[in-house]
Amino acid sequence: MRVRILKLLEGRELCVCQLMEILGLSQSNVSGHLSILKNTGLAVCRRDGRWAYYSLPDAMKNRYAPPMLALLLGWLEEDPQVRADRRRLAALVAGKSKKCD
């Protein structure tokens, strides 16, 4: 699941509620995965009021994160699950799906 989240974060910053909808998971489940990614330096969080937005980091606090993310950027582009996640993201962004309230 964390790899799917990282693949979604490749292209943009996403809110927890967007990730919940795309992945079909509960808030606590998504937040748990994001917490692990954040603690390892593979994702960063920005707060805006009650919303938490996640993205890939510009600077890395974990020395293993840069090579891992560099490899991941090129992997799984043809994976059916990654492609389905990206289609759901595109629909969400285009307004075809429920957005955060």
C-alpha atoms as a PDB file:
ATOM      1  CA  MET A   1       0.000   0.000   0.000  1.00  0.00           C
ATOM      2  CA  ARG A   2       2.832   2.402   0.787  1.00  0.00           C
ATOM      3  CA  VAL A   3       4.316   1.974  -2.674  1.00  0.00           C
ATOM      4  CA  ARG A   4       0.925   2.828  -4.170  1.00  0.00           C
ATOM      5  CA  ILE A   5       0.822   5.970  -2.030  1.00  0.00           C
ATOM      6  CA  LEU A   6       4.318   6.977  -3.127  1.00  0.00           C
ATOM      7  CA  LYS A   7       3.395   6.427  -6.776  1.00  0.00           C
ATOM      8  CA  LEU A   8       0.371   8.711  -6.320  1.00  0.00           C
ATOM      9  CA  LEU A   9       2.504  11.361  -4.627  1.00  0.00           C
ATOM     10  CA  GLU A  10       4.957  11.379  -7.558  1.00  0.00           C
ATOM     11  CA  GLY A  11       2.850  13.813  -9.492  1.00  0.00           C
ATOM     12  CA  ARG A  12       1.315  16.056  -6.849  1.00  0.00           C
ATOM     13  CA  GLU A  13       0.537  16.875  -3.282  1.00  0.00           C
ATOM     14  CA  LEU A  14      -2.537  15.011  -2.028  1.00  0.00           C
ATOM     15  CA  CYS A  15      -4.844  15.360   0.940  1.00  0.00           C
ATOM     16  CA  VAL A  16      -5.512  12.375   3.186  1.00  0.00           C
ATOM     17  CA  CYS A  17      -9.165  12.353   2.077  1.00  0.00           C
ATOM     18  CA  GLN A  18      -8.098  12.130  -1.579  1.00  0.00           C
ATOM     19  CA  LEU A  19      -5.861   9.173  -0.807  1.00  0.00           C
ATOM     20  CA  MET A  20      -8.707   7.541   1.148  1.00  0.00           C
ATOM     21  CA  GLU A  21     -11.008   7.768  -1.845  1.00  0.00           C
ATOM     22  CA  ILE A  22      -8.455   6.606  -4.398  1.00  0.00           C
ATOM     23  CA  LEU A  23      -7.250   3.663  -2.310  1.00  0.00           C
ATOM     24  CA  GLY A  24     -10.621   2.755  -0.817  1.00  0.00           C
ATOM     25  CA  LEU A  25      -9.237   2.730   2.720  1.00  0.00           C
ATOM     26  CA  SER A  26     -10.291   4.258   6.014  1.00  0.00           C
ATOM     27  CA  GLN A  27      -8.765   7.469   7.343  1.00  0.00           C
ATOM     28  CA  SER A  28      -6.953   5.602  10.122  1.00  0.00           C
ATOM     29  CA  ASN A  29      -5.487   3.091   7.669  1.00  0.00           C
ATOM     30  CA  VAL A  30      -4.260   5.767   5.240  1.00  0.00           C
ATOM     31  CA  SER A  31      -2.935   7.921   8.088  1.00  0.00           C
ATOM     32  CA  GLY A  32      -1.034   4.950   9.508  1.00  0.00           C
ATOM     33  CA  HIS A  33       0.712   4.312   6.194  1.00  0.00           C
ATOM     34  CA  LEU A  34       1.442   8.028   5.760  1.00  0.00           C
ATOM     35  CA  SER A  35       2.873   8.230   9.271  1.00  0.00           C
ATOM     36  CA  ILE A  36       5.341   5.461   8.451  1.00  0.00           C
ATOM     37  CA  LEU A  37       6.296   7.139   5.164  1.00  0.00           C
ATOM     38  CA  LYS A  38       6.739  10.462   6.944  1.00  0.00           C
ATOM     39  CA  ASN A  39       8.809   8.947   9.784  1.00  0.00           C
ATOM     40  CA  THR A  40      11.165   7.312   7.294  1.00  0.00           C
ATOM     41  CA  GLY A  41      11.588  10.537   5.335  1.00  0.00           C
ATOM     42  CA  LEU A  42       9.827   9.249   2.218  1.00  0.00           C
ATOM     43  CA  ALA A  43       6.941  11.728   2.496  1.00  0.00           C
ATOM     44  CA  VAL A  44       6.383  15.157   4.024  1.00  0.00           C
ATOM     45  CA  CYS A  45       3.251  16.642   5.516  1.00  0.00           C
ATOM     46  CA  ARG A  46       1.888  20.172   5.258  1.00  0.00           C
ATOM     47  CA  ARG A  47      -1.048  21.219   7.400  1.00  0.00           C
ATOM     48  CA  ASP A  48      -3.704  23.680   6.277  1.00  0.00           C
ATOM     49  CA  GLY A  49      -6.296  24.039   9.020  1.00  0.00           C
ATOM     50  CA  ARG A  50      -7.747  20.625   9.684  1.00  0.00           C
ATOM     51  CA  TRP A  51      -6.418  19.145   6.448  1.00  0.00           C
ATOM     52  CA  ALA A  52      -3.110  17.313   6.048  1.00  0.00           C
ATOM     53  CA  TYR A  53      -1.451  17.319   2.628  1.00  0.00           C
ATOM     54  CA  TYR A  54       1.331  14.905   1.735  1.00  0.00           C
ATOM     55  CA  SER A  55       3.982  15.049  -0.964  1.00  0.00           C
ATOM     56  CA  LEU A  56       7.390  13.657  -1.767  1.00  0.00           C
ATOM     57  CA  PRO A  57      10.193  15.465   0.049  1.00  0.00           C
ATOM     58  CA  ASP A  58      12.593  17.935  -1.531  1.00  0.00           C
ATOM     59  CA  ALA A  59      15.280  17.241   1.046  1.00  0.00           C
ATOM     60  CA  MET A  60      15.804  13.863   2.585  1.00  0.00           C
ATOM     61  CA  LYS A  61      16.429  13.147   6.256  1.00  0.00           C
ATOM     62  CA  ASN A  62      16.996   9.451   5.576  1.00  0.00           C
ATOM     63  CA  ARG A  63      20.110   8.649   3.575  1.00  0.00           C
ATOM     64  CA  TYR A  64      18.400   5.639   1.981  1.00  0.00           C
ATOM     65  CA  ALA A  65      15.371   7.614   0.790  1.00  0.00           C
ATOM     66  CA  PRO A  66      16.899   9.378  -2.266  1.00  0.00           C
ATOM     67  CA  PRO A  67      18.100   6.220  -4.036  1.00  0.00           C
ATOM     68  CA  MET A  68      14.894   4.389  -3.182  1.00  0.00           C
ATOM     69  CA  LEU A  69      12.669   7.171  -4.506  1.00  0.00           C
ATOM     70  CA  ALA A  70      14.877   7.586  -7.571  1.00  0.00           C
ATOM     71  CA  LEU A  71      14.361   3.916  -8.445  1.00  0.00           C
ATOM     72  CA  LEU A  72      10.671   4.008  -7.628  1.00  0.00           C
ATOM     73  CA  LEU A  73      10.033   6.902 -10.021  1.00  0.00           C
ATOM     74  CA  GLY A  74      10.782   4.632 -12.944  1.00  0.00           C
ATOM     75  CA  TRP A  75       9.183   1.454 -11.618  1.00  0.00           C
ATOM     76  CA  LEU A  76       5.669   0.120 -11.874  1.00  0.00           C
ATOM     77  CA  GLU A  77       4.494   2.505 -14.600  1.00  0.00           C
ATOM     78  CA  GLU A  78       2.707  -0.361 -16.362  1.00  0.00           C
ATOM     79  CA  ASP A  79       1.426  -2.017 -13.182  1.00  0.00           C
ATOM     80  CA  PRO A  80      -2.373  -2.435 -13.430  1.00  0.00           C
ATOM     81  CA  GLN A  81      -2.948  -1.275  -9.850  1.00  0.00           C
ATOM     82  CA  VAL A  82      -0.805   1.852 -10.268  1.00  0.00           C
ATOM     83  CA  ARG A  83      -2.604   2.672 -13.511  1.00  0.00           C
ATOM     84  CA  ALA A  84      -6.010   2.183 -11.862  1.00  0.00           C
ATOM     85  CA  ASP A  85      -4.973   4.429  -8.956  1.00  0.00           C
ATOM     86  CA  ARG A  86      -3.902   7.129 -11.380  1.00  0.00           C
ATOM     87  CA  ARG A  87      -7.194   6.895 -13.267  1.00  0.00           C
ATOM     88  CA  ARG A  88      -9.078   7.347  -9.988  1.00  0.00           C
ATOM     89  CA  LEU A  89      -6.847  10.310  -9.155  1.00  0.00           C
ATOM     90  CA  ALA A  90      -7.502  11.892 -12.559  1.00  0.00           C
ATOM     91  CA  ALA A  91     -11.267  11.441 -12.072  1.00  0.00           C
ATOM     92  CA  LEU A  92     -11.056  12.948  -8.599  1.00  0.00           C
ATOM     93  CA  VAL A  93      -9.104  15.956  -9.833  1.00  0.00           C
ATOM     94  CA  ALA A  94     -11.472  16.412 -12.781  1.00  0.00           C
ATOM     95  CA  GLY A  95     -14.392  16.590 -10.374  1.00  0.00           C
ATOM     96  CA  LYS A  96     -15.950  13.311 -11.412  1.00  0.00           C
ATOM     97  CA  SER A  97     -15.588  11.958  -7.923  1.00  0.00           C
ATOM     98  CA  LYS A  98     -16.334  13.150  -4.405  1.00  0.00           C
ATOM     99  CA  LYS A  99     -13.869  15.718  -3.053  1.00  0.00           C
ATOM    100  CA  CYS A 100     -12.908  16.538   0.497  1.00  0.00           C
ATOM    101  CA  ASP A 101     -15.583  18.271   2.529  1.00  0.00           C
END
